[in-house]
Amino acid sequence: MALKQVLEIGDLLEGPEIKQELIENYFLNKGLNGHDLHFLPVKGDKGKTIFVKIRIHGEEGRSSGGSSPTMGIIGRLGGIGARPHKIGFVSDADGAIAALACAAKICDLARKGDRLKGDVIISSHLSPASPIIPHDPVPFMDAPVTIDTMNAHEVDKRMEAILTLDATKGNRIVNRRGFAISPTVKNGYILRVSEDLLDIMQDVTGRPPVVFAITQQDITPYGNGLHHLNSIMQPATATEAPVVGIAITSEVAVAGCATGANQCLDIEMAVRFAVEVTKSWGMRQCTLYDGQEFQKLLSLYGAMDRFKTLGNKK
């Protein structure tokens, strides 16, 4: 279970200021090496945020010369708060809470003797005062920095696969409490949903798996004028690695700027799923996509990398 970690991270992050020293001490007390915990304050046109990146060494990870692959877990969001307009966590904070709770859970496993096989890199950003923007059907949280800046600091070249966690409640695409997963996206292709991930999802939830729909627009970069479900798939525009979205969802459309809307049990399930996938994937017991089928797609239809760009701007 990961409820303890979700509650601890929630307590650490709540408030008008990010207490970097408290977060740092929290992870150091869990056995994380200080060299593997990085904070970077960044100021943008719409405010400021702090990027956080954590690397947890695996038993047979790349960092120690091993062969187990490196998983990336990204908490994607606009902000954890919307001050001065709102007090407390906004719904959009789910991604940051979930990503850092994943890090805490994996650290706790390692401290008890259950190290994962591969390295894990977790990244997100923490902004307690992000702007609110109009969006249909409900308002969204904007970020204080650009999407390119977020990708530059959150997507790491060492990540060989990426799970991206994001609150995805401001829509009518998926109407169920809990979490849903996306099809795997790689280099501009929307691939079939991984059967292995569906198996893990139903084990974690005890219910039939839920997949949320994405469109070609959703895997193109922000800034091209096209409609996007939200930013959950934006890391796919900045990496060669396969990307799967883990969307924390609701039965009704909930604004990203709504407060009192963070469902800790839903976040916990998403964390537990991400950790289970990371365990299995590092042991090469599950796959995110079929490599042979992907190569056949390339041979039949060619590269789709152009969808990772802003396209033909006239």
Protein backbone atom coordinates (compact mmCIF):
# COMPACT_ATOMS: atom_id res chain seq x y z
CA MET A 1 0.00 0.00 0.00
CA ALA A 2 1.06 3.60 -0.59
CA LEU A 3 -1.50 5.61 1.37
CA LYS A 4 1.04 6.55 4.03
CA GLN A 5 3.36 8.03 1.40
CA VAL A 6 0.53 9.95 -0.30
CA LEU A 7 -0.53 11.50 3.02
CA GLU A 8 3.05 12.34 3.99
CA ILE A 9 3.78 14.02 0.65
CA GLY A 10 0.48 15.90 0.82
CA ASP A 11 1.40 17.24 4.22
CA LEU A 12 4.87 18.28 3.01
CA LEU A 13 3.61 20.15 -0.07
CA GLU A 14 0.55 21.92 1.33
CA GLY A 15 0.97 25.60 2.04
CA PRO A 16 1.77 28.88 0.28
CA GLU A 17 5.54 28.24 0.24
CA ILE A 18 7.54 25.18 -0.80
CA LYS A 19 9.65 24.10 2.15
CA GLN A 20 12.57 22.65 0.24
CA GLU A 21 14.57 21.72 3.34
CA LEU A 22 11.69 19.69 4.79
CA ILE A 23 11.23 17.79 1.51
CA GLU A 24 14.95 17.15 1.28
CA ASN A 25 15.17 15.86 4.87
CA TYR A 26 12.13 13.65 4.29
CA PHE A 27 13.83 11.81 1.44
CA LEU A 28 17.25 11.73 3.10
CA ASN A 29 15.63 10.04 6.09
CA LYS A 30 14.29 7.42 3.70
CA GLY A 31 17.84 6.56 2.62
CA LEU A 32 18.07 8.64 -0.55
CA ASN A 33 21.55 9.93 -1.35
CA GLY A 34 21.67 13.73 -1.36
CA HIS A 35 23.41 13.68 -4.75
CA ASP A 36 20.29 12.09 -6.23
CA LEU A 37 17.86 14.80 -5.10
CA HIS A 38 17.82 18.04 -7.07
CA PHE A 39 15.77 21.24 -6.74
CA LEU A 40 15.84 23.98 -9.37
CA PRO A 41 13.89 27.25 -8.97
CA VAL A 42 12.77 28.62 -12.34
CA LYS A 43 10.99 31.89 -13.06
CA GLY A 44 8.66 32.24 -16.03
CA ASP A 45 6.46 34.93 -17.53
CA LYS A 46 3.54 33.84 -15.34
CA GLY A 47 5.30 33.22 -12.04
CA LYS A 48 7.85 30.86 -10.55
CA THR A 49 8.12 27.20 -9.68
CA ILE A 50 10.59 24.69 -8.30
CA PHE A 51 11.51 21.64 -10.35
CA VAL A 52 12.38 18.55 -8.38
CA LYS A 53 14.18 15.47 -9.70
CA ILE A 54 14.94 12.27 -7.79
CA ARG A 55 17.02 9.30 -8.93
CA ILE A 56 16.70 6.01 -7.08
CA HIS A 57 19.38 3.45 -7.88
CA GLY A 58 18.22 -0.04 -8.76
CA GLU A 59 19.87 -3.28 -7.78
CA GLU A 60 20.90 -3.90 -11.39
CA GLY A 61 20.40 -0.39 -12.78
CA ARG A 62 22.34 1.50 -15.42
CA SER A 63 23.91 3.74 -12.78
CA SER A 64 25.78 0.76 -11.32
CA GLY A 65 26.69 -0.81 -14.66
CA GLY A 66 23.73 -3.17 -14.70
CA SER A 67 21.44 -4.05 -17.58
CA SER A 68 18.02 -3.27 -16.11
CA PRO A 69 16.37 -0.32 -17.89
CA THR A 70 15.56 3.05 -16.33
CA MET A 71 11.94 4.06 -15.77
CA GLY A 72 10.86 7.70 -15.70
CA ILE A 73 7.89 8.84 -13.62
CA ILE A 74 6.72 12.40 -14.31
CA GLY A 75 4.18 14.32 -12.26
CA ARG A 76 2.58 16.59 -14.83
CA LEU A 77 0.57 19.66 -13.77
CA GLY A 78 0.15 23.37 -14.03
CA GLY A 79 0.41 24.03 -10.31
CA ILE A 80 -0.32 22.62 -6.87
CA GLY A 81 -2.07 25.87 -5.88
CA ALA A 82 -3.77 28.90 -7.44
CA ARG A 83 -2.95 31.57 -4.90
CA PRO A 84 -4.13 34.29 -4.35
CA HIS A 85 -7.40 33.17 -6.01
CA LYS A 86 -7.66 29.85 -4.13
CA ILE A 87 -6.45 28.59 -0.76
CA GLY A 88 -4.98 25.09 -0.47
CA PHE A 89 -4.32 22.30 -2.95
CA VAL A 90 -6.04 22.49 -6.30
CA SER A 91 -7.24 19.37 -8.10
CA ASP A 92 -4.30 19.76 -10.49
CA ALA A 93 -1.88 19.00 -7.62
CA ASP A 94 -2.56 15.26 -8.03
CA GLY A 95 0.30 14.76 -10.49
CA ALA A 96 3.00 16.20 -8.21
CA ILE A 97 1.65 14.44 -5.13
CA ALA A 98 1.48 11.11 -6.96
CA ALA A 99 4.97 11.36 -8.49
CA LEU A 100 6.68 12.22 -5.21
CA ALA A 101 4.66 9.54 -3.40
CA CYS A 102 6.00 7.04 -5.96
CA ALA A 103 9.52 8.14 -5.04
CA ALA A 104 8.75 7.80 -1.32
CA LYS A 105 7.27 4.32 -1.77
CA ILE A 106 10.22 3.08 -3.83
CA CYS A 107 12.65 4.50 -1.26
CA ASP A 108 10.76 2.75 1.53
CA LEU A 109 10.86 -0.55 -0.35
CA ALA A 110 14.62 -0.20 -0.85
CA ARG A 111 15.19 0.71 2.80
CA LYS A 112 13.40 -2.50 3.83
CA GLY A 113 15.53 -4.60 1.47
CA ASP A 114 13.28 -4.72 -1.62
CA ARG A 115 15.28 -2.68 -4.13
CA LEU A 116 13.84 -2.47 -7.61
CA LYS A 117 16.00 -3.93 -10.38
CA GLY A 118 16.25 -0.82 -12.55
CA ASP A 119 16.96 2.80 -11.75
CA VAL A 120 13.97 5.13 -11.43
CA ILE A 121 13.99 8.86 -12.17
CA ILE A 122 11.06 10.86 -10.79
CA SER A 123 10.46 14.49 -11.72
CA SER A 124 7.81 17.16 -11.31
CA HIS A 125 7.47 20.83 -10.44
CA LEU A 126 5.95 22.57 -7.44
CA SER A 127 4.13 25.87 -7.90
CA PRO A 128 1.75 27.03 -5.13
CA ALA A 129 0.67 30.13 -7.09
CA SER A 130 -0.11 29.18 -10.68
CA PRO A 131 -2.59 31.06 -12.88
CA ILE A 132 -6.07 29.84 -13.87
CA ILE A 133 -7.03 29.70 -17.55
CA PRO A 134 -10.38 29.24 -19.32
CA HIS A 135 -11.00 25.78 -20.78
CA ASP A 136 -14.01 23.79 -21.94
CA PRO A 137 -15.88 22.31 -20.08
CA VAL A 138 -14.22 23.67 -16.87
CA PRO A 139 -11.27 25.99 -16.13
CA PHE A 140 -7.74 24.59 -16.09
CA MET A 141 -4.60 25.44 -14.18
CA ASP A 142 -1.91 27.11 -16.26
CA ALA A 143 1.78 26.74 -15.45
CA PRO A 144 4.11 29.61 -14.54
CA VAL A 145 6.60 28.35 -17.14
CA THR A 146 6.23 27.12 -20.72
CA ILE A 147 5.62 23.52 -21.71
CA ASP A 148 9.06 23.49 -23.34
CA THR A 149 10.62 24.47 -20.02
CA MET A 150 8.70 21.71 -18.23
CA ASN A 151 9.77 19.11 -20.77
CA ALA A 152 13.38 20.32 -20.60
CA HIS A 153 13.51 19.82 -16.82
CA GLU A 154 11.19 16.85 -16.37
CA VAL A 155 12.02 14.61 -19.34
CA ASP A 156 15.44 13.06 -18.78
CA LYS A 157 17.44 11.43 -21.57
CA ARG A 158 18.20 8.53 -19.22
CA MET A 159 14.50 7.59 -19.06
CA GLU A 160 13.95 4.54 -21.28
CA ALA A 161 10.19 4.54 -20.69
CA ILE A 162 7.95 7.14 -19.08
CA LEU A 163 4.82 7.03 -16.96
CA THR A 164 3.22 10.46 -16.74
CA LEU A 165 0.78 11.11 -13.88
CA ASP A 166 -1.75 13.92 -14.20
CA ALA A 167 -5.16 14.93 -12.85
CA THR A 168 -7.50 14.45 -15.84
CA LYS A 169 -10.88 15.42 -14.49
CA GLY A 170 -11.84 18.49 -16.54
CA ASN A 171 -13.34 16.58 -19.46
CA ARG A 172 -16.14 14.29 -20.59
CA ILE A 173 -13.80 11.68 -22.11
CA VAL A 174 -13.51 9.40 -19.08
CA ASN A 175 -16.22 9.47 -16.41
CA ARG A 176 -15.10 7.15 -13.66
CA ARG A 177 -13.47 7.75 -10.28
CA GLY A 178 -9.98 6.35 -9.88
CA PHE A 179 -7.45 6.34 -12.66
CA ALA A 180 -7.24 5.42 -16.32
CA ILE A 181 -4.34 4.69 -18.64
CA SER A 182 -3.60 5.82 -22.17
CA PRO A 183 -2.45 3.85 -25.17
CA THR A 184 1.33 3.87 -25.44
CA VAL A 185 2.74 6.75 -27.50
CA LYS A 186 6.13 6.58 -29.21
CA ASN A 187 7.66 8.95 -31.75
CA GLY A 188 4.36 10.29 -33.04
CA TYR A 189 2.54 6.96 -33.12
CA ILE A 190 -0.40 6.10 -30.89
CA LEU A 191 0.13 2.38 -30.34
CA ARG A 192 -2.15 -0.33 -29.00
CA VAL A 193 -2.78 -0.45 -25.28
CA SER A 194 -0.33 -2.73 -23.48
CA GLU A 195 -1.97 -5.98 -22.38
CA ASP A 196 0.58 -6.23 -19.57
CA LEU A 197 -0.49 -2.85 -18.21
CA LEU A 198 -4.14 -3.87 -18.38
CA ASP A 199 -3.31 -6.98 -16.35
CA ILE A 200 -1.45 -4.94 -13.72
CA MET A 201 -4.26 -2.38 -13.58
CA GLN A 202 -6.95 -4.93 -12.84
CA ASP A 203 -4.73 -6.55 -10.20
CA VAL A 204 -4.21 -3.18 -8.50
CA THR A 205 -7.81 -1.98 -8.64
CA GLY A 206 -9.71 -5.28 -8.46
CA ARG A 207 -11.92 -3.91 -11.25
CA PRO A 208 -11.98 -3.98 -15.06
CA PRO A 209 -9.23 -1.76 -16.50
CA VAL A 210 -10.10 1.70 -17.83
CA VAL A 211 -8.41 3.30 -20.86
CA PHE A 212 -8.87 6.96 -21.75
CA ALA A 213 -9.08 8.09 -25.35
CA ILE A 214 -6.35 10.26 -26.86
CA THR A 215 -6.29 11.84 -30.29
CA GLN A 216 -3.52 12.82 -32.66
CA GLN A 217 -3.85 16.39 -31.42
CA ASP A 218 -3.10 15.29 -27.86
CA ILE A 219 0.35 14.02 -28.78
CA THR A 220 1.39 17.21 -30.58
CA PRO A 221 3.15 20.03 -28.71
CA TYR A 222 1.27 22.83 -27.02
CA GLY A 223 1.47 26.06 -28.97
CA ASN A 224 0.17 24.83 -32.32
CA GLY A 225 -3.37 26.13 -31.76
CA LEU A 226 -4.93 22.65 -31.58
CA HIS A 227 -7.16 21.41 -28.77
CA HIS A 228 -5.48 19.12 -26.23
CA LEU A 229 -7.21 16.97 -23.60
CA ASN A 230 -4.58 18.29 -21.17
CA SER A 231 -0.79 18.13 -20.86
CA ILE A 232 -0.59 14.49 -19.78
CA MET A 233 0.93 13.32 -23.08
CA GLN A 234 3.25 16.30 -23.63
CA PRO A 235 6.39 14.40 -22.47
CA ALA A 236 5.94 12.23 -25.57
CA THR A 237 6.86 15.25 -27.72
CA ALA A 238 10.29 15.47 -26.08
CA THR A 239 11.56 11.88 -25.99
CA GLU A 240 12.26 8.77 -28.03
CA ALA A 241 11.02 6.63 -25.13
CA PRO A 242 7.54 5.08 -25.02
CA VAL A 243 5.14 7.13 -22.89
CA VAL A 244 2.00 6.00 -21.05
CA GLY A 245 -0.34 8.43 -19.33
CA ILE A 246 -1.82 7.59 -15.93
CA ALA A 247 -4.80 9.89 -15.56
CA ILE A 248 -6.37 10.45 -12.14
CA THR A 249 -10.03 10.77 -13.02
CA SER A 250 -13.51 11.65 -11.77
CA GLU A 251 -17.13 10.85 -12.65
CA VAL A 252 -17.97 14.48 -13.39
CA ALA A 253 -15.98 17.35 -14.87
CA VAL A 254 -13.93 18.89 -12.06
CA ALA A 255 -12.03 22.13 -12.65
CA GLY A 256 -8.26 21.87 -12.36
CA CYS A 257 -8.41 24.90 -10.04
CA ALA A 258 -11.04 23.36 -7.74
CA THR A 259 -9.92 23.00 -4.13
CA GLY A 260 -10.89 20.17 -1.78
CA ALA A 261 -10.97 17.92 -4.87
CA ASN A 262 -7.91 15.70 -4.27
CA GLN A 263 -9.11 12.16 -3.67
CA CYS A 264 -6.33 10.51 -1.68
CA LEU A 265 -7.51 6.95 -2.34
CA ASP A 266 -7.57 7.57 -6.10
CA ILE A 267 -4.08 9.05 -5.96
CA GLU A 268 -2.94 6.06 -3.88
CA MET A 269 -4.23 3.59 -6.48
CA ALA A 270 -2.44 5.47 -9.26
CA VAL A 271 0.78 5.45 -7.22
CA ARG A 272 0.46 1.74 -6.49
CA PHE A 273 -0.09 1.05 -10.20
CA ALA A 274 2.92 3.14 -11.26
CA VAL A 275 5.15 1.37 -8.73
CA GLU A 276 3.93 -2.07 -9.80
CA VAL A 277 4.56 -1.26 -13.47
CA THR A 278 8.02 0.05 -12.60
CA LYS A 279 8.83 -3.13 -10.66
CA SER A 280 7.70 -5.45 -13.46
CA TRP A 281 9.17 -3.40 -16.30
CA GLY A 282 12.58 -3.21 -14.62
CA MET A 283 12.54 -7.01 -14.30
CA ARG A 284 11.51 -7.27 -17.98
CA GLN A 285 8.26 -8.97 -16.96
CA CYS A 286 6.03 -6.50 -18.78
CA THR A 287 6.24 -4.39 -21.93
CA LEU A 288 4.76 -1.05 -22.87
CA TYR A 289 4.64 -1.82 -26.59
CA ASP A 290 5.48 -4.53 -29.14
CA GLY A 291 8.88 -3.64 -30.61
CA GLN A 292 8.46 -5.87 -33.68
CA GLU A 293 5.05 -4.42 -34.50
CA PHE A 294 6.45 -0.90 -34.10
CA GLN A 295 9.22 -1.66 -36.57
CA LYS A 296 6.61 -3.01 -39.01
CA LEU A 297 4.64 0.21 -38.65
CA LEU A 298 7.77 2.17 -39.52
CA SER A 299 8.48 -0.01 -42.55
CA LEU A 300 4.89 0.29 -43.79
CA TYR A 301 4.15 3.94 -43.06
CA GLY A 302 7.41 5.66 -42.22
CA ALA A 303 8.39 7.92 -39.36
CA MET A 304 5.79 10.06 -37.59
CA ASP A 305 8.27 12.29 -35.74
CA ARG A 306 6.73 15.37 -37.36
CA PHE A 307 3.91 15.15 -34.80
CA LYS A 308 6.48 15.92 -32.10
CA THR A 309 7.00 19.34 -33.73
CA LEU A 310 4.84 22.43 -34.18
CA GLY A 311 4.28 21.40 -37.81
CA ASN A 312 4.20 23.56 -40.90
CA LYS A 313 3.74 27.13 -39.69
CA LYS A 314 2.76 29.55 -42.44
